[in-house]
Amino acid sequence: MAINLVNGKMFKKMVTNGAINLKNNCEYINSLNVFPVPDGDTGINMSMTIDSGITEINKCESDSIIDLSKIFARGLLMGARGNSGVSLSQYFRGLSVAIKSLQKDSLTPTDFLYCFEQGKEIAYRAFKDPVEGTMLTVIRESYEAVKDKKFDSFEDLFTAYFEAAKVSEANTPNLLPVLKEANVTDSGGEGFLKVVEGMYKAIMGEMITAEVEKETKNEYEYQLNYKLVLKDVESFQISDLRQDLSLKGDVEIEQNGQILSVKISTDDLGRVLSLSEKFGSLVQVEVKNVKLNDELPEVKEDAPRKDMAVITVAFGDGIKETFKELGCAVVINGGQTMNPSTESFVKACKEANADNVIIVPNNGNVIMAAEQATKLVEGCNVRVLHAKTIAQGYASLIAFDETQDLDSNMSDMEEAMANVKTGEVTYAVRDTSISGVEIKANDFMGILDGDIIVSKADRIESTKDLLKAAIDEDSAAVTIFVGNGVSEDEVSQLEEYIPTLNEDVEVEIVEGKQDIYSYIISIE
């Protein structure tokens, strides 16, 4: 029997199916990252965003499609992570706005066309300069392909909508040259496509089963998820690592070529990570203490309220400690591979306990979630400094003065940030070619202000080439945040090399203790 009306129960099935389908394809979506750096996280961001909505919708006792769509959209908004997560949350906010305006218990296919239109409109509205060849394009073109047609059933509507989304996603490399050069489609668009596919399958009567980890048998303190880039794929036996880790908790391991995905419930984080490092390099490490409340601590009522405070986002114990020393009231753990949610910023603003708050995201993929938070925070003025790198954030924090007013601080911090070059050194996870630079898997890439400028098998040589390109006669200071796994001898070589480029440059070495990036370099 054809489906002619969608009510609240059916809507819930559709979005749940979409969330499960997205989660099941999370790793594939992560792999579509244009740059071959080991921090592709689009799939993770989108999945965590929509899961936040599912969590809220599952708490709702109402069957009203108006109530359910509103609660679902609110959950996505608060859980939005990264630009892709914000885009997805705004799309569903558009659907919610449309559903509320229709004031119906059940929607027709024509009603849903209006919802698609509003999803498109509000998703685009969230971006000042929308880029075509992204998720936004897939959202827009999917709607445009069906908007002028008459559909008698939801089966027909979603078949057409899903097919249009597939065509649009396949065409994204023709709209965005960097996708074509990297030979991938847009990761955000692919995530949206998986959500639509799940909704389509729900309409067609196919409910998807989540490919999730088994229930843990013991009450372990930590849930640890990470990836392991193997040193030697040919000699590696998955049973060796599983045997080691099984002594430390309930573990699941999946292998995809050189990459292992590990999930373990354990009480011994340090031992688990050290056992794993015998076989390769750790990336995308996520830790949750399942025995504690994840919320940030509430402000004590007797705590004195400040006039001015800074919130920042950072990863690496050394970097976080440095930012605290520079006066940050709250340092949110995250950045690369772990973009904080909108709700994280809302809670951090409350914890900062100040009349005026400046958020320093330190990552281009975190800015939109921070901006969303400014619309939700009550009781203080919140601004977002558009710092896209740790180096920019570091320079801006040196310029911060809590005795100045909000406008003066923003101006000084923006000026300081504008005078910084950012260098980063990490390894490649696949072969590719970007902007004429040939990259081989496991090469060390030198990235200058977001552009990969060198890729070599030897890390110190890549780092020297990066420094040579970044340091000039006007450079005055170089700060190097050293990552985990870098030897003192290697750092000493760089300290000796920098004066050969400019003998007047002041060099500061900070033990950043960050993963993934061997070096994060600030050049002023």
Protein backbone atom coordinates (compact mmCIF):
# COMPACT_ATOMS: atom_id res chain seq x y z
CA MET A 1 0.00 0.00 0.00
CA ALA A 2 1.36 3.39 -0.99
CA ILE A 3 2.16 5.92 1.73
CA ASN A 4 0.18 9.10 1.15
CA LEU A 5 0.62 10.69 4.57
CA VAL A 6 3.55 10.94 6.99
CA ASN A 7 2.74 11.40 10.67
CA GLY A 8 4.99 11.82 13.70
CA LYS A 9 5.67 8.09 14.12
CA MET A 10 6.70 7.75 10.49
CA PHE A 11 8.84 10.88 10.67
CA LYS A 12 10.67 9.41 13.65
CA LYS A 13 11.29 6.16 11.73
CA MET A 14 12.63 8.13 8.75
CA VAL A 15 15.14 10.25 10.63
CA THR A 16 16.24 7.32 12.79
CA ASN A 17 16.86 5.24 9.68
CA GLY A 18 18.78 8.17 8.21
CA ALA A 19 20.94 8.45 11.32
CA ILE A 20 21.73 4.73 11.34
CA ASN A 21 22.62 4.73 7.65
CA LEU A 22 24.92 7.70 8.19
CA LYS A 23 26.60 6.02 11.15
CA ASN A 24 27.11 2.77 9.24
CA ASN A 25 28.90 4.70 6.49
CA CYS A 26 30.84 7.01 8.80
CA GLU A 27 34.31 5.70 7.96
CA TYR A 28 33.73 5.91 4.22
CA ILE A 29 32.63 9.52 4.56
CA ASN A 30 35.71 10.30 6.66
CA SER A 31 37.90 8.84 3.92
CA LEU A 32 36.66 11.43 1.41
CA ASN A 33 38.63 14.19 3.10
CA VAL A 34 40.32 16.15 0.31
CA PHE A 35 43.63 16.60 2.07
CA PRO A 36 45.25 13.22 2.86
CA VAL A 37 45.83 14.17 6.49
CA PRO A 38 44.89 11.63 9.19
CA ASP A 39 42.11 13.75 10.65
CA GLY A 40 39.20 13.28 8.28
CA ASP A 41 36.19 13.68 10.53
CA THR A 42 33.20 14.72 8.42
CA GLY A 43 31.44 11.41 8.97
CA ILE A 44 32.10 11.57 12.70
CA ASN A 45 30.86 15.16 12.93
CA MET A 46 27.66 14.51 11.00
CA SER A 47 26.94 11.25 12.80
CA MET A 48 27.42 12.77 16.25
CA THR A 49 25.27 15.73 15.21
CA ILE A 50 22.30 13.66 14.08
CA ASP A 51 22.72 11.22 16.98
CA SER A 52 22.19 14.18 19.30
CA GLY A 53 18.84 14.73 17.61
CA ILE A 54 17.93 11.06 17.86
CA THR A 55 18.74 11.09 21.58
CA GLU A 56 16.31 13.96 22.11
CA ILE A 57 13.56 12.59 19.89
CA ASN A 58 13.69 9.28 21.75
CA LYS A 59 12.93 11.15 24.99
CA CYS A 60 9.83 12.76 23.51
CA GLU A 61 6.53 11.20 24.59
CA SER A 62 4.50 13.08 22.00
CA ASP A 63 3.57 11.54 18.64
CA SER A 64 2.95 14.95 17.07
CA ILE A 65 5.11 15.52 14.00
CA ILE A 66 5.29 19.19 14.97
CA ASP A 67 6.68 18.37 18.41
CA LEU A 68 9.00 15.65 17.17
CA SER A 69 10.48 17.70 14.34
CA LYS A 70 11.07 20.64 16.69
CA ILE A 71 12.78 18.51 19.35
CA PHE A 72 14.82 16.68 16.72
CA ALA A 73 16.01 19.94 15.16
CA ARG A 74 16.88 21.37 18.57
CA GLY A 75 18.91 18.26 19.36
CA LEU A 76 20.86 18.62 16.12
CA LEU A 77 21.47 22.29 16.77
CA MET A 78 22.94 21.69 20.23
CA GLY A 79 24.94 18.69 19.04
CA ALA A 80 26.19 20.30 15.81
CA ARG A 81 29.90 19.66 15.21
CA GLY A 82 31.96 21.04 12.37
CA ASN A 83 30.68 22.88 9.32
CA SER A 84 29.04 19.72 7.99
CA GLY A 85 27.18 19.15 11.26
CA VAL A 86 25.98 22.76 11.34
CA SER A 87 24.76 22.45 7.73
CA LEU A 88 22.83 19.29 8.56
CA SER A 89 21.31 20.86 11.66
CA GLN A 90 20.16 23.88 9.67
CA TYR A 91 18.58 21.66 7.01
CA PHE A 92 16.48 19.89 9.63
CA ARG A 93 15.70 23.21 11.31
CA GLY A 94 14.23 24.25 7.98
CA LEU A 95 12.11 21.12 7.89
CA SER A 96 10.93 21.83 11.43
CA VAL A 97 10.02 25.44 10.62
CA ALA A 98 8.01 24.28 7.62
CA ILE A 99 6.22 21.54 9.57
CA LYS A 100 5.26 23.97 12.32
CA SER A 101 3.89 26.46 9.80
CA LEU A 102 1.74 23.79 8.13
CA GLN A 103 0.02 22.95 11.44
CA LYS A 104 -0.97 19.43 10.39
CA ASP A 105 -0.82 16.07 12.17
CA SER A 106 0.07 14.33 8.92
CA LEU A 107 1.86 15.65 5.84
CA THR A 108 1.23 14.99 2.17
CA PRO A 109 3.97 14.68 -0.47
CA THR A 110 3.18 18.25 -1.50
CA ASP A 111 3.65 19.38 2.09
CA PHE A 112 7.01 17.65 2.18
CA LEU A 113 8.11 19.47 -0.95
CA TYR A 114 7.61 22.67 1.04
CA CYS A 115 9.69 21.17 3.86
CA PHE A 116 12.49 20.39 1.42
CA GLU A 117 12.36 23.96 0.18
CA GLN A 118 12.65 25.40 3.68
CA GLY A 119 15.45 22.98 4.51
CA LYS A 120 17.35 24.30 1.52
CA GLU A 121 16.63 27.94 2.30
CA ILE A 122 17.69 27.83 5.95
CA ALA A 123 20.77 25.68 5.26
CA TYR A 124 22.01 28.24 2.72
CA ARG A 125 21.16 31.11 5.03
CA ALA A 126 23.63 29.82 7.63
CA PHE A 127 26.58 30.59 5.32
CA LYS A 128 27.69 34.08 4.36
CA ASP A 129 29.49 32.80 1.26
CA PRO A 130 28.03 29.42 0.26
CA VAL A 131 30.43 27.27 -1.75
CA GLU A 132 29.02 25.16 -4.56
CA GLY A 133 30.16 21.58 -4.89
CA THR A 134 29.40 20.96 -1.22
CA MET A 135 26.52 19.55 0.82
CA LEU A 136 24.61 22.77 0.17
CA THR A 137 24.63 22.04 -3.54
CA VAL A 138 23.28 18.54 -3.01
CA ILE A 139 20.52 19.92 -0.77
CA ARG A 140 19.59 22.57 -3.33
CA GLU A 141 19.74 20.43 -6.46
CA SER A 142 17.79 17.59 -4.86
CA TYR A 143 14.95 19.99 -4.15
CA GLU A 144 15.14 21.69 -7.54
CA ALA A 145 14.84 18.32 -9.28
CA VAL A 146 11.47 17.58 -7.65
CA LYS A 147 9.94 20.96 -6.84
CA ASP A 148 7.76 21.29 -9.95
CA LYS A 149 6.54 17.70 -10.05
CA LYS A 150 3.34 16.14 -8.75
CA PHE A 151 3.75 13.12 -6.47
CA ASP A 152 0.88 10.90 -5.41
CA SER A 153 2.89 8.94 -2.85
CA PHE A 154 5.91 9.32 -0.60
CA GLU A 155 7.49 6.34 -2.35
CA ASP A 156 7.52 8.30 -5.60
CA LEU A 157 8.67 11.52 -3.93
CA PHE A 158 11.58 10.00 -2.05
CA THR A 159 12.65 7.86 -4.98
CA ALA A 160 12.97 11.01 -7.09
CA TYR A 161 14.58 13.02 -4.27
CA PHE A 162 17.12 10.30 -3.48
CA GLU A 163 18.02 9.77 -7.14
CA ALA A 164 18.50 13.53 -7.58
CA ALA A 165 20.76 13.62 -4.52
CA LYS A 166 22.91 10.82 -5.95
CA VAL A 167 23.29 12.65 -9.26
CA SER A 168 24.15 15.91 -7.52
CA GLU A 169 26.71 14.29 -5.21
CA ALA A 170 28.40 12.52 -8.14
CA ASN A 171 28.72 15.89 -9.88
CA THR A 172 30.39 17.75 -6.98
CA PRO A 173 33.94 17.23 -8.38
CA ASN A 174 32.89 19.13 -11.51
CA LEU A 175 31.90 22.13 -9.38
CA LEU A 176 34.81 22.13 -6.93
CA PRO A 177 38.21 21.62 -8.64
CA VAL A 178 39.94 20.51 -5.44
CA LEU A 179 37.58 17.52 -5.28
CA LYS A 180 38.37 16.53 -8.84
CA GLU A 181 42.11 16.84 -8.24
CA ALA A 182 41.86 14.61 -5.17
CA ASN A 183 39.52 12.22 -7.04
CA VAL A 184 36.79 12.31 -4.38
CA THR A 185 33.23 13.54 -4.09
CA ASP A 186 32.25 15.98 -1.35
CA SER A 187 32.26 14.32 2.06
CA GLY A 188 29.46 16.48 3.49
CA GLY A 189 27.32 15.84 0.45
CA GLU A 190 27.93 12.12 0.83
CA GLY A 191 26.84 12.32 4.46
CA PHE A 192 23.63 14.10 3.48
CA LEU A 193 23.06 11.49 0.77
CA LYS A 194 23.30 8.70 3.36
CA VAL A 195 20.74 10.43 5.55
CA VAL A 196 18.35 10.80 2.61
CA GLU A 197 18.95 7.19 1.63
CA GLY A 198 18.00 6.06 5.12
CA MET A 199 14.82 8.14 5.05
CA TYR A 200 14.01 6.78 1.60
CA LYS A 201 14.48 3.19 2.78
CA ALA A 202 12.19 3.80 5.75
CA ILE A 203 9.50 4.97 3.34
CA MET A 204 10.09 1.82 1.27
CA GLY A 205 9.71 -0.33 4.37
CA GLU A 206 13.40 -1.21 4.83
CA MET A 207 14.57 -0.48 8.36
CA ILE A 208 18.37 -0.50 8.67
CA THR A 209 20.20 -2.31 11.44
CA ALA A 210 22.99 -0.40 13.11
CA GLU A 211 26.43 -1.90 12.75
CA VAL A 212 27.34 -1.10 16.32
CA GLU A 213 29.63 -2.52 18.91
CA LYS A 214 28.40 -5.23 21.26
CA GLU A 215 27.20 -4.37 24.76
CA THR A 216 30.09 -4.33 27.18
CA LYS A 217 29.91 -6.91 29.94
CA ASN A 218 31.71 -4.99 32.67
CA GLU A 219 31.39 -1.60 34.31
CA TYR A 220 34.61 -0.11 32.97
CA GLU A 221 35.38 3.53 33.61
CA TYR A 222 36.37 4.56 30.08
CA GLN A 223 35.05 4.07 26.58
CA LEU A 224 38.02 4.54 24.23
CA ASN A 225 37.73 4.80 20.43
CA TYR A 226 40.72 5.33 18.18
CA LYS A 227 42.35 4.48 14.90
CA LEU A 228 45.76 2.91 14.44
CA VAL A 229 47.85 3.46 11.30
CA LEU A 230 49.90 0.27 11.06
CA LYS A 231 53.68 0.39 10.65
CA ASP A 232 53.90 -2.99 8.89
CA VAL A 233 50.67 -4.23 7.34
CA GLU A 234 52.13 -7.42 5.87
CA SER A 235 53.48 -8.85 9.11
CA PHE A 236 50.65 -7.61 11.33
CA GLN A 237 48.25 -10.15 12.82
CA ILE A 238 45.07 -8.67 14.25
CA SER A 239 44.97 -11.49 16.80
CA ASP A 240 48.20 -10.18 18.38
CA LEU A 241 46.70 -6.82 19.27
CA ARG A 242 43.35 -8.31 20.21
CA GLN A 243 45.02 -10.69 22.64
CA ASP A 244 46.95 -7.85 24.28
CA LEU A 245 43.96 -5.55 24.59
CA SER A 246 41.48 -8.22 25.66
CA LEU A 247 43.34 -8.39 28.95
CA LYS A 248 42.54 -4.72 29.50
CA GLY A 249 38.85 -4.67 28.66
CA ASP A 250 36.10 -5.51 26.18
CA VAL A 251 37.50 -4.80 22.74
CA GLU A 252 36.42 -4.74 19.10
CA ILE A 253 38.88 -4.27 16.25
CA GLU A 254 38.19 -3.77 12.56
CA GLN A 255 40.88 -3.61 9.88
CA ASN A 256 40.68 -1.71 6.60
CA GLY A 257 44.07 -2.02 4.92
CA GLN A 258 46.58 -0.02 6.90
CA ILE A 259 43.96 1.41 9.26
CA LEU A 260 42.60 -0.29 12.36
CA SER A 261 39.47 0.96 14.12
CA VAL A 262 39.57 0.05 17.80
CA LYS A 263 36.79 0.35 20.37
CA ILE A 264 37.47 -0.72 23.93
CA SER A 265 35.91 -0.35 27.36
CA THR A 266 38.72 -0.26 29.88
CA ASP A 267 40.04 1.03 33.19
CA ASP A 268 43.62 1.43 31.95
CA LEU A 269 43.83 4.06 29.20
CA GLY A 270 47.60 4.46 29.33
CA ARG A 271 48.33 0.75 28.99
CA VAL A 272 45.88 0.31 26.12
CA LEU A 273 47.43 3.15 24.16
CA SER A 274 51.02 2.01 24.82
CA LEU A 275 50.18 -1.55 23.74
CA SER A 276 48.66 -0.20 20.54
CA GLU A 277 51.60 2.08 19.75
CA LYS A 278 53.79 -1.00 19.33
CA PHE A 279 52.00 -1.64 16.07
CA GLY A 280 51.58 1.87 14.65
CA SER A 281 50.53 5.50 15.12
CA LEU A 282 47.43 6.54 17.08
CA VAL A 283 44.92 8.91 15.43
CA GLN A 284 41.36 10.10 16.11
CA VAL A 285 41.54 9.22 19.79
CA GLU A 286 38.24 9.74 21.63
CA VAL A 287 37.77 9.07 25.34
CA LYS A 288 34.58 9.10 27.39
CA ASN A 289 34.41 8.57 31.13
CA VAL A 290 31.19 6.57 31.36
CA LYS A 291 31.01 6.82 35.15
CA LEU A 292 31.04 10.60 35.29
CA ASN A 293 28.68 13.25 34.03
CA ASP A 294 30.12 14.70 30.80
CA GLU A 295 28.79 18.18 31.53
CA LEU A 296 31.16 20.94 32.44
CA PRO A 297 31.08 21.87 36.11
CA GLU A 298 28.48 24.38 37.14
CA VAL A 299 29.63 27.80 38.27
CA LYS A 300 29.71 28.17 42.03
CA GLU A 301 27.23 30.74 43.18
CA ASP A 302 29.84 32.58 45.22
CA ALA A 303 32.39 32.75 42.39
CA PRO A 304 33.15 36.40 41.50
CA ARG A 305 31.89 37.32 38.06
CA LYS A 306 34.48 38.74 35.67
CA ASP A 307 34.06 41.44 33.09
CA MET A 308 36.06 39.69 30.36
CA ALA A 309 36.96 36.07 29.60
CA VAL A 310 38.34 33.97 26.76
CA ILE A 311 37.27 30.47 25.77
CA THR A 312 39.46 28.50 23.41
CA VAL A 313 39.62 25.08 21.76
CA ALA A 314 42.84 23.07 21.81
CA PHE A 315 44.26 19.57 21.65
CA GLY A 316 47.49 18.34 23.18
CA ASP A 317 48.15 18.66 26.91
CA GLY A 318 51.05 21.08 26.39
CA ILE A 319 49.08 23.37 24.10
CA LYS A 320 46.11 23.40 26.45
CA GLU A 321 48.32 24.26 29.40
CA THR A 322 49.99 27.05 27.41
CA PHE A 323 46.62 28.57 26.57
CA LYS A 324 45.56 28.43 30.22
CA GLU A 325 48.76 30.26 31.16
CA LEU A 326 47.87 32.94 28.61
CA GLY A 327 44.65 33.63 30.51
CA CYS A 328 41.98 31.40 28.99
CA ALA A 329 39.11 30.89 31.41
CA VAL A 330 38.02 27.67 29.71
CA VAL A 331 39.95 25.42 27.31
CA ILE A 332 37.65 23.01 25.49
CA ASN A 333 39.38 19.79 24.53
CA GLY A 334 39.16 19.34 20.79
CA GLY A 335 40.01 20.73 17.39
CA GLN A 336 41.44 18.29 14.90
CA THR A 337 39.43 15.02 14.70
CA MET A 338 37.21 16.11 17.60
CA ASN A 339 35.20 19.23 16.83
CA PRO A 340 33.28 20.51 19.88
CA SER A 341 29.51 20.78 19.66
CA THR A 342 27.45 23.94 19.86
CA GLU A 343 26.33 22.84 23.31
CA SER A 344 29.97 22.59 24.46
CA PHE A 345 30.39 26.29 23.73
CA VAL A 346 27.13 27.20 25.45
CA LYS A 347 28.24 25.37 28.61
CA ALA A 348 31.74 26.84 28.42
CA CYS A 349 30.30 30.37 28.25
CA LYS A 350 28.36 29.66 31.43
CA GLU A 351 31.46 28.27 33.13
CA ALA A 352 33.52 31.32 32.11
CA ASN A 353 31.23 33.39 34.37
CA ALA A 354 31.85 36.71 32.66
CA ASP A 355 29.84 39.57 31.20
CA ASN A 356 31.85 39.47 27.96
CA VAL A 357 33.28 36.34 26.34
CA ILE A 358 35.55 35.87 23.35
CA ILE A 359 35.62 32.42 21.77
CA VAL A 360 38.86 31.48 19.98
CA PRO A 361 38.10 28.29 17.97
CA ASN A 362 41.60 27.67 16.50
CA ASN A 363 40.09 25.58 13.71
CA GLY A 364 38.15 26.59 10.62
CA ASN A 365 35.78 23.67 11.08
CA VAL A 366 34.85 24.79 14.59
CA ILE A 367 33.93 28.40 13.88
CA MET A 368 30.34 27.75 12.77
CA ALA A 369 29.44 25.76 15.88
CA ALA A 370 30.88 28.59 17.97
CA GLU A 371 28.83 31.13 16.01
CA GLN A 372 25.69 29.07 16.57
CA ALA A 373 26.37 29.15 20.31
CA THR A 374 26.41 32.96 20.37
CA LYS A 375 22.69 32.87 19.47
CA LEU A 376 21.89 30.56 22.37
CA VAL A 377 23.94 31.97 25.25
CA GLU A 378 22.06 34.16 27.69
CA GLY A 379 23.41 36.65 30.22
CA CYS A 380 26.61 37.70 28.48
CA ASN A 381 27.99 39.19 25.27
CA VAL A 382 29.76 36.59 23.15
CA ARG A 383 32.01 37.19 20.15
CA VAL A 384 33.86 34.67 17.99
CA LEU A 385 37.39 35.44 16.84
CA HIS A 386 37.85 33.68 13.51
CA ALA A 387 41.13 32.00 14.43
CA LYS A 388 41.50 28.97 12.17
CA THR A 389 44.74 27.55 13.55
CA ILE A 390 46.51 26.98 16.86
CA ALA A 391 49.18 29.45 15.72
CA GLN A 392 46.61 32.19 15.10
CA GLY A 393 44.96 31.52 18.43
CA TYR A 394 48.31 31.62 20.22
CA ALA A 395 49.19 35.00 18.74
CA SER A 396 45.73 36.41 19.52
CA LEU A 397 45.91 35.30 23.14
CA ILE A 398 49.24 37.03 23.65
CA ALA A 399 47.44 40.23 22.60
CA PHE A 400 44.48 39.65 24.95
CA ASP A 401 44.17 42.07 27.87
CA GLU A 402 41.36 41.39 30.34
CA THR A 403 41.44 45.02 31.50
CA GLN A 404 40.34 46.24 28.06
CA ASP A 405 36.78 46.26 26.75
CA LEU A 406 35.35 43.74 24.30
CA ASP A 407 35.76 45.82 21.13
CA SER A 408 39.36 46.76 21.94
CA ASN A 409 40.30 43.17 22.65
CA MET A 410 38.69 41.90 19.47
CA SER A 411 40.53 44.53 17.45
CA ASP A 412 43.93 43.81 19.03
CA MET A 413 43.50 40.05 18.77
CA GLU A 414 42.42 40.23 15.12
CA GLU A 415 45.45 42.37 14.31
CA ALA A 416 47.80 39.94 16.05
CA MET A 417 46.22 37.00 14.28
CA ALA A 418 46.59 38.66 10.88
CA ASN A 419 50.37 38.87 11.28
CA VAL A 420 50.89 35.14 11.79
CA LYS A 421 51.82 32.39 9.36
CA THR A 422 50.87 28.84 10.32
CA GLY A 423 53.04 25.84 9.54
CA GLU A 424 52.00 22.24 10.19
CA VAL A 425 53.74 18.92 9.64
CA THR A 426 51.83 15.65 9.55
CA TYR A 427 51.81 12.43 7.54
CA ALA A 428 49.75 11.43 4.51
CA VAL A 429 47.23 8.60 4.70
CA ARG A 430 46.99 8.02 0.95
CA ASP A 431 48.62 8.74 -2.39
CA THR A 432 47.32 11.82 -4.17
CA SER A 433 48.32 15.03 -5.91
CA ILE A 434 47.27 18.46 -4.66
CA SER A 435 48.21 21.77 -6.27
CA GLY A 436 51.03 20.09 -8.14
CA VAL A 437 52.53 18.43 -5.05
CA GLU A 438 52.86 14.66 -5.47
CA ILE A 439 52.04 12.93 -2.19
CA LYS A 440 52.70 9.34 -1.21
CA ALA A 441 51.07 7.53 1.70
CA ASN A 442 53.17 7.92 4.88
CA ASP A 443 55.05 10.92 3.47
CA PHE A 444 55.46 13.86 5.81
CA MET A 445 53.66 16.90 4.45
CA GLY A 446 54.53 20.50 5.17
CA ILE A 447 51.42 22.69 5.22
CA LEU A 448 51.69 26.49 5.12
CA ASP A 449 48.54 28.49 5.83
CA GLY A 450 46.38 25.61 4.72
CA ASP A 451 48.27 24.72 1.54
CA ILE A 452 50.39 21.58 1.22
CA ILE A 453 53.69 22.87 -0.16
CA VAL A 454 56.03 19.90 0.36
CA SER A 455 55.77 16.14 0.86
CA LYS A 456 58.79 13.97 1.57
CA ALA A 457 59.53 10.63 3.20
CA ASP A 458 61.89 12.31 5.69
CA ARG A 459 60.13 14.41 8.34
CA ILE A 460 63.04 16.70 9.17
CA GLU A 461 63.57 17.51 5.48
CA SER A 462 59.90 18.36 4.98
CA THR A 463 59.95 20.53 8.08
CA LYS A 464 63.06 22.40 6.93
CA ASP A 465 61.50 23.03 3.52
CA LEU A 466 58.38 24.35 5.24
CA LEU A 467 60.42 26.68 7.45
CA LYS A 468 62.41 27.88 4.45
CA ALA A 469 59.18 28.85 2.69
CA ALA A 470 57.68 30.52 5.76
CA ILE A 471 60.56 32.47 7.30
CA ASP A 472 61.68 35.65 5.56
CA GLU A 473 63.59 38.81 6.43
CA ASP A 474 60.57 40.29 8.20
CA SER A 475 60.06 37.31 10.51
CA ALA A 476 60.71 38.09 14.16
CA ALA A 477 59.59 35.05 16.14
CA VAL A 478 59.02 31.34 15.55
CA THR A 479 57.16 29.21 18.09
CA ILE A 480 57.21 25.46 17.55
CA PHE A 481 54.65 23.25 19.29
CA VAL A 482 56.26 19.82 19.33
CA GLY A 483 54.00 16.80 19.02
CA ASN A 484 54.18 13.36 20.57
CA GLY A 485 56.82 11.03 19.20
CA VAL A 486 59.33 13.71 18.14
CA SER A 487 62.87 13.30 19.49
CA GLU A 488 64.89 16.01 21.23
CA ASP A 489 67.63 15.55 18.63
CA GLU A 490 65.23 16.35 15.81
CA VAL A 491 64.02 19.49 17.58
CA SER A 492 67.65 20.55 18.14
CA GLN A 493 68.31 20.22 14.42
CA LEU A 494 65.46 22.63 13.71
CA GLU A 495 66.71 25.09 16.34
CA GLU A 496 70.08 25.10 14.61
CA TYR A 497 68.55 25.41 11.15
CA ILE A 498 66.24 28.40 11.75
CA PRO A 499 69.05 30.96 12.31
CA THR A 500 70.47 30.04 8.88
CA LEU A 501 67.25 31.43 7.41
CA ASN A 502 67.14 34.56 9.58
CA GLU A 503 69.68 35.01 12.35
CA ASP A 504 67.54 37.60 14.14
CA VAL A 505 64.53 35.32 14.62
CA GLU A 506 63.67 34.44 18.20
CA VAL A 507 62.86 30.73 18.57
CA GLU A 508 60.60 29.26 21.28
CA ILE A 509 60.00 25.53 21.71
CA VAL A 510 56.80 24.38 23.42
CA GLU A 511 56.09 20.74 24.27
CA GLY A 512 52.62 20.72 22.75
CA LYS A 513 52.18 16.95 23.22
CA GLN A 514 49.64 16.89 20.42
CA ASP A 515 48.84 13.83 18.31
CA ILE A 516 48.70 13.70 14.50
CA TYR A 517 50.73 16.89 13.92
CA SER A 518 54.44 16.43 14.61
CA TYR A 519 54.88 20.18 14.54
CA ILE A 520 52.55 23.17 14.69
CA ILE A 521 54.57 26.30 13.94
CA SER A 522 53.72 29.95 14.49
CA ILE A 523 55.77 32.42 12.42
CA GLU A 524 55.37 36.11 13.28
